[in-house]
Amino acid sequence: MEIRQKTKVIDVVQYIQRQKWRRARHIARETDRWTKRYTGWQPRSKRKDRGRPKAREMDDIRRAAGQQWHRKAQDRRKWKTSAVGYILQWMDKNFQVSQESRKI
C-alpha cells in the first residue's frame, strides 16, 4: 500500500493539475465571449522580448488536447478520461526533469 493511501494525504500537484483540467472544460462550455477571447489571445506586440516566450495558462492544455481543445471539451466523458492521461503525463514529465536536475 502506498504511503499516500495510508495517510490519506492528497498530492498537491495532482490536485492542481486536475483543477486546471476541469477549469479548461468550464471555460470551453461558457457562453461568455470574454473568457474565450482571453484564452485564445495571442499577444501581438511590435517588438518581442528576448529569450523564451513565457508560458501561458492554457499552453499545457493545448499541448495535451490539441489546438481544438474547446471542441474536445464539449464531450464530458472523453474529457474526464483524458484528464487522467494529462495528469500522469504532466507528472511523469516533471519527475524526469527533477531527476535530471539532481544529477547536475
N, C-alpha and C. Protein backbone atom coordinates (compact mmCIF):
# COMPACT_ATOMS: atom_id res chain seq x y z
N MET A 1 0.85 -1.18 0.00
CA MET A 1 0.00 0.00 0.00
C MET A 1 0.89 1.25 0.00
N GLU A 2 0.51 2.21 -0.78
CA GLU A 2 1.29 3.43 -0.90
C GLU A 2 1.08 4.31 0.34
N ILE A 3 2.09 5.10 0.64
CA ILE A 3 2.06 5.95 1.85
C ILE A 3 0.92 6.97 1.78
N ARG A 4 0.63 7.49 0.60
CA ARG A 4 -0.45 8.48 0.46
C ARG A 4 -1.82 7.87 0.76
N GLN A 5 -1.99 6.61 0.42
CA GLN A 5 -3.25 5.94 0.73
C GLN A 5 -3.39 5.71 2.23
N LYS A 6 -2.30 5.39 2.86
CA LYS A 6 -2.35 5.15 4.31
C LYS A 6 -2.63 6.45 5.07
N THR A 7 -1.94 7.50 4.70
CA THR A 7 -2.08 8.77 5.43
C THR A 7 -3.25 9.62 4.93
N LYS A 8 -3.80 9.26 3.77
CA LYS A 8 -4.91 9.99 3.14
C LYS A 8 -4.53 11.45 2.85
N VAL A 9 -3.26 11.63 2.48
CA VAL A 9 -2.77 12.95 2.09
C VAL A 9 -2.89 13.07 0.58
N ILE A 10 -3.43 14.19 0.13
CA ILE A 10 -3.62 14.42 -1.29
C ILE A 10 -2.35 14.99 -1.89
N ASP A 11 -1.96 14.47 -3.05
CA ASP A 11 -0.81 15.02 -3.77
C ASP A 11 -1.22 16.37 -4.36
N VAL A 12 -0.55 17.41 -3.94
CA VAL A 12 -0.93 18.78 -4.32
C VAL A 12 -0.78 18.99 -5.82
N VAL A 13 0.26 18.44 -6.41
CA VAL A 13 0.50 18.63 -7.84
C VAL A 13 -0.63 17.99 -8.65
N GLN A 14 -1.02 16.78 -8.29
CA GLN A 14 -2.13 16.12 -8.99
C GLN A 14 -3.41 16.92 -8.83
N TYR A 15 -3.66 17.41 -7.64
CA TYR A 15 -4.87 18.18 -7.37
C TYR A 15 -4.91 19.45 -8.23
N ILE A 16 -3.80 20.16 -8.30
CA ILE A 16 -3.75 21.39 -9.09
C ILE A 16 -3.96 21.10 -10.56
N GLN A 17 -3.33 20.06 -11.07
CA GLN A 17 -3.49 19.73 -12.49
C GLN A 17 -4.91 19.29 -12.80
N ARG A 18 -5.54 18.55 -11.89
CA ARG A 18 -6.93 18.13 -12.08
C ARG A 18 -7.85 19.34 -12.12
N GLN A 19 -7.61 20.29 -11.22
CA GLN A 19 -8.43 21.51 -11.19
C GLN A 19 -8.22 22.33 -12.46
N LYS A 20 -7.01 22.40 -12.96
CA LYS A 20 -6.72 23.13 -14.19
C LYS A 20 -7.47 22.51 -15.37
N TRP A 21 -7.48 21.18 -15.43
CA TRP A 21 -8.18 20.47 -16.50
C TRP A 21 -9.68 20.72 -16.41
N ARG A 22 -10.22 20.68 -15.20
CA ARG A 22 -11.65 20.93 -15.01
C ARG A 22 -12.01 22.37 -15.38
N ARG A 23 -11.15 23.31 -15.03
CA ARG A 23 -11.39 24.72 -15.36
C ARG A 23 -11.38 24.94 -16.86
N ALA A 24 -10.51 24.22 -17.57
CA ALA A 24 -10.45 24.34 -19.03
C ALA A 24 -11.78 23.91 -19.64
N ARG A 25 -12.37 22.85 -19.13
CA ARG A 25 -13.67 22.40 -19.65
C ARG A 25 -14.74 23.45 -19.34
N HIS A 26 -14.68 24.02 -18.17
CA HIS A 26 -15.65 25.05 -17.79
C HIS A 26 -15.53 26.25 -18.73
N ILE A 27 -14.32 26.65 -19.03
CA ILE A 27 -14.09 27.78 -19.94
C ILE A 27 -14.63 27.45 -21.33
N ALA A 28 -14.41 26.22 -21.78
CA ALA A 28 -14.87 25.83 -23.11
C ALA A 28 -16.39 25.82 -23.21
N ARG A 29 -17.09 25.54 -22.13
CA ARG A 29 -18.54 25.47 -22.15
C ARG A 29 -19.21 26.81 -21.93
N GLU A 30 -18.46 27.80 -21.45
CA GLU A 30 -19.06 29.11 -21.17
C GLU A 30 -19.51 29.80 -22.45
N THR A 31 -20.52 30.61 -22.30
CA THR A 31 -21.00 31.38 -23.44
C THR A 31 -20.44 32.80 -23.43
N ASP A 32 -19.77 33.16 -22.35
CA ASP A 32 -19.18 34.49 -22.25
C ASP A 32 -18.04 34.63 -23.25
N ARG A 33 -18.13 35.60 -24.11
CA ARG A 33 -17.12 35.74 -25.16
C ARG A 33 -15.79 36.23 -24.62
N TRP A 34 -15.78 36.97 -23.53
CA TRP A 34 -14.53 37.50 -22.99
C TRP A 34 -13.61 36.39 -22.50
N THR A 35 -14.18 35.37 -21.91
CA THR A 35 -13.37 34.26 -21.42
C THR A 35 -12.69 33.55 -22.58
N LYS A 36 -13.44 33.26 -23.63
CA LYS A 36 -12.86 32.59 -24.79
C LYS A 36 -11.85 33.49 -25.49
N ARG A 37 -12.12 34.76 -25.51
CA ARG A 37 -11.21 35.70 -26.14
C ARG A 37 -9.89 35.75 -25.36
N TYR A 38 -9.98 35.69 -24.05
CA TYR A 38 -8.78 35.72 -23.20
C TYR A 38 -7.93 34.46 -23.39
N THR A 39 -8.57 33.30 -23.41
CA THR A 39 -7.79 32.06 -23.52
C THR A 39 -7.22 31.86 -24.91
N GLY A 40 -7.84 32.40 -25.92
CA GLY A 40 -7.35 32.24 -27.28
C GLY A 40 -6.47 33.38 -27.75
N TRP A 41 -6.23 34.34 -26.88
CA TRP A 41 -5.49 35.54 -27.26
C TRP A 41 -4.02 35.25 -27.49
N GLN A 42 -3.51 35.75 -28.59
CA GLN A 42 -2.09 35.65 -28.91
C GLN A 42 -1.52 37.06 -28.85
N PRO A 43 -0.56 37.33 -27.99
CA PRO A 43 -0.01 38.69 -27.90
C PRO A 43 0.68 39.09 -29.20
N ARG A 44 0.36 40.27 -29.68
CA ARG A 44 0.94 40.74 -30.93
C ARG A 44 1.58 42.11 -30.69
N SER A 45 2.74 42.10 -30.15
CA SER A 45 3.44 43.35 -29.93
C SER A 45 4.43 43.56 -31.07
N LYS A 46 4.82 44.80 -31.27
CA LYS A 46 5.74 45.11 -32.36
C LYS A 46 7.12 44.52 -32.11
N ARG A 47 7.53 44.51 -30.87
CA ARG A 47 8.87 44.05 -30.54
C ARG A 47 8.77 42.88 -29.56
N LYS A 48 9.43 41.80 -29.87
CA LYS A 48 9.43 40.63 -28.99
C LYS A 48 10.49 40.78 -27.91
N ASP A 49 10.19 40.23 -26.75
CA ASP A 49 11.18 40.19 -25.69
C ASP A 49 12.24 39.15 -26.03
N ARG A 50 13.41 39.32 -25.46
CA ARG A 50 14.47 38.35 -25.69
C ARG A 50 14.20 37.08 -24.90
N GLY A 51 14.68 35.97 -25.43
CA GLY A 51 14.57 34.71 -24.72
C GLY A 51 13.32 33.93 -25.08
N ARG A 52 13.07 32.94 -24.27
CA ARG A 52 11.94 32.05 -24.49
C ARG A 52 10.63 32.75 -24.15
N PRO A 53 9.57 32.53 -24.95
CA PRO A 53 8.28 33.13 -24.61
C PRO A 53 7.76 32.58 -23.28
N LYS A 54 7.08 33.41 -22.53
CA LYS A 54 6.54 32.99 -21.24
C LYS A 54 5.39 32.01 -21.47
N ALA A 55 5.31 31.02 -20.60
CA ALA A 55 4.24 30.04 -20.68
C ALA A 55 2.93 30.69 -20.25
N ARG A 56 1.88 30.39 -20.99
CA ARG A 56 0.57 30.91 -20.63
C ARG A 56 -0.25 29.82 -19.96
N GLU A 57 -1.37 30.22 -19.42
CA GLU A 57 -2.17 29.32 -18.61
C GLU A 57 -2.63 28.08 -19.37
N MET A 58 -3.04 28.23 -20.61
CA MET A 58 -3.62 27.11 -21.35
C MET A 58 -2.63 26.38 -22.25
N ASP A 59 -1.36 26.69 -22.18
CA ASP A 59 -0.38 26.03 -23.04
C ASP A 59 -0.31 24.53 -22.77
N ASP A 60 -0.37 24.13 -21.50
CA ASP A 60 -0.35 22.70 -21.16
C ASP A 60 -1.57 21.98 -21.72
N ILE A 61 -2.72 22.62 -21.64
CA ILE A 61 -3.96 22.03 -22.15
C ILE A 61 -3.86 21.86 -23.66
N ARG A 62 -3.38 22.88 -24.35
CA ARG A 62 -3.23 22.80 -25.81
C ARG A 62 -2.26 21.69 -26.20
N ARG A 63 -1.17 21.54 -25.46
CA ARG A 63 -0.20 20.51 -25.76
C ARG A 63 -0.81 19.11 -25.58
N ALA A 64 -1.61 18.94 -24.55
CA ALA A 64 -2.18 17.62 -24.26
C ALA A 64 -3.39 17.30 -25.14
N ALA A 65 -4.26 18.29 -25.36
CA ALA A 65 -5.52 18.02 -26.06
C ALA A 65 -5.53 18.52 -27.50
N GLY A 66 -4.56 19.33 -27.89
CA GLY A 66 -4.51 19.84 -29.25
C GLY A 66 -5.08 21.24 -29.36
N GLN A 67 -4.93 21.83 -30.53
CA GLN A 67 -5.38 23.20 -30.75
C GLN A 67 -6.90 23.34 -30.63
N GLN A 68 -7.62 22.31 -30.99
CA GLN A 68 -9.09 22.36 -30.95
C GLN A 68 -9.63 21.81 -29.63
N TRP A 69 -8.96 22.12 -28.53
CA TRP A 69 -9.36 21.58 -27.23
C TRP A 69 -10.74 22.07 -26.81
N HIS A 70 -11.18 23.23 -27.30
CA HIS A 70 -12.52 23.73 -26.98
C HIS A 70 -13.59 22.74 -27.44
N ARG A 71 -13.39 22.20 -28.63
CA ARG A 71 -14.37 21.24 -29.17
C ARG A 71 -14.32 19.92 -28.42
N LYS A 72 -13.12 19.47 -28.10
CA LYS A 72 -12.98 18.21 -27.37
C LYS A 72 -13.59 18.29 -25.98
N ALA A 73 -13.55 19.45 -25.37
CA ALA A 73 -14.06 19.61 -24.00
C ALA A 73 -15.58 19.54 -23.94
N GLN A 74 -16.25 19.64 -25.06
CA GLN A 74 -17.71 19.57 -25.06
C GLN A 74 -18.22 18.17 -24.70
N ASP A 75 -17.44 17.15 -25.01
CA ASP A 75 -17.82 15.77 -24.67
C ASP A 75 -17.30 15.46 -23.26
N ARG A 76 -18.20 15.44 -22.31
CA ARG A 76 -17.84 15.32 -20.89
C ARG A 76 -17.08 14.02 -20.58
N ARG A 77 -17.56 12.89 -21.10
CA ARG A 77 -16.92 11.60 -20.77
C ARG A 77 -15.49 11.52 -21.31
N LYS A 78 -15.32 11.90 -22.56
CA LYS A 78 -13.98 11.84 -23.15
C LYS A 78 -13.03 12.80 -22.44
N TRP A 79 -13.54 13.96 -22.08
CA TRP A 79 -12.70 14.96 -21.40
C TRP A 79 -12.26 14.45 -20.03
N LYS A 80 -13.19 13.78 -19.31
CA LYS A 80 -12.84 13.26 -17.99
C LYS A 80 -11.80 12.15 -18.09
N THR A 81 -11.96 11.26 -19.07
CA THR A 81 -10.99 10.17 -19.20
C THR A 81 -9.63 10.68 -19.66
N SER A 82 -9.62 11.70 -20.48
CA SER A 82 -8.33 12.24 -20.92
C SER A 82 -7.65 13.04 -19.81
N ALA A 83 -8.39 13.42 -18.78
CA ALA A 83 -7.80 14.15 -17.65
C ALA A 83 -6.77 13.29 -16.93
N VAL A 84 -7.07 12.01 -16.78
CA VAL A 84 -6.14 11.11 -16.10
C VAL A 84 -4.83 11.03 -16.87
N GLY A 85 -4.94 10.89 -18.18
CA GLY A 85 -3.74 10.85 -19.02
C GLY A 85 -2.94 12.13 -18.94
N TYR A 86 -3.64 13.25 -18.92
CA TYR A 86 -2.98 14.56 -18.84
C TYR A 86 -2.20 14.70 -17.54
N ILE A 87 -2.82 14.31 -16.44
CA ILE A 87 -2.17 14.44 -15.13
C ILE A 87 -0.95 13.52 -15.04
N LEU A 88 -1.11 12.28 -15.49
CA LEU A 88 0.01 11.34 -15.43
C LEU A 88 1.15 11.78 -16.35
N GLN A 89 0.81 12.29 -17.52
CA GLN A 89 1.82 12.77 -18.46
C GLN A 89 2.57 13.95 -17.86
N TRP A 90 1.84 14.87 -17.25
CA TRP A 90 2.45 16.06 -16.66
C TRP A 90 3.37 15.67 -15.51
N MET A 91 2.90 14.76 -14.67
CA MET A 91 3.70 14.34 -13.51
C MET A 91 4.95 13.59 -13.97
N ASP A 92 4.82 12.74 -14.97
CA ASP A 92 5.96 11.97 -15.47
C ASP A 92 7.00 12.91 -16.07
N LYS A 93 6.56 13.90 -16.84
CA LYS A 93 7.48 14.85 -17.47
C LYS A 93 8.25 15.62 -16.41
N ASN A 94 7.56 16.12 -15.40
CA ASN A 94 8.22 16.90 -14.36
C ASN A 94 9.08 16.04 -13.45
N PHE A 95 8.71 14.79 -13.27
CA PHE A 95 9.53 13.88 -12.47
C PHE A 95 10.87 13.65 -13.16
N GLN A 96 10.85 13.46 -14.48
CA GLN A 96 12.08 13.26 -15.22
C GLN A 96 12.97 14.49 -15.16
N VAL A 97 12.37 15.67 -15.26
CA VAL A 97 13.14 16.91 -15.19
C VAL A 97 13.79 17.05 -13.82
N SER A 98 13.05 16.74 -12.76
CA SER A 98 13.62 16.87 -11.42
C SER A 98 14.74 15.86 -11.20
N GLN A 99 14.62 14.66 -11.77
CA GLN A 99 15.68 13.66 -11.65
C GLN A 99 16.94 14.13 -12.38
N GLU A 100 16.78 14.74 -13.55
CA GLU A 100 17.93 15.23 -14.31
C GLU A 100 18.61 16.38 -13.59
N SER A 101 17.84 17.24 -12.94
CA SER A 101 18.44 18.38 -12.24
C SER A 101 19.22 17.92 -11.01
N ARG A 102 18.86 16.80 -10.44
CA ARG A 102 19.60 16.28 -9.28
C ARG A 102 20.97 15.74 -9.70
N LYS A 103 21.09 15.26 -10.94
CA LYS A 103 22.36 14.71 -11.42
C LYS A 103 23.41 15.79 -11.59
N ILE A 104 22.98 17.00 -11.84
CA ILE A 104 23.92 18.10 -12.13
C ILE A 104 24.60 18.60 -10.90
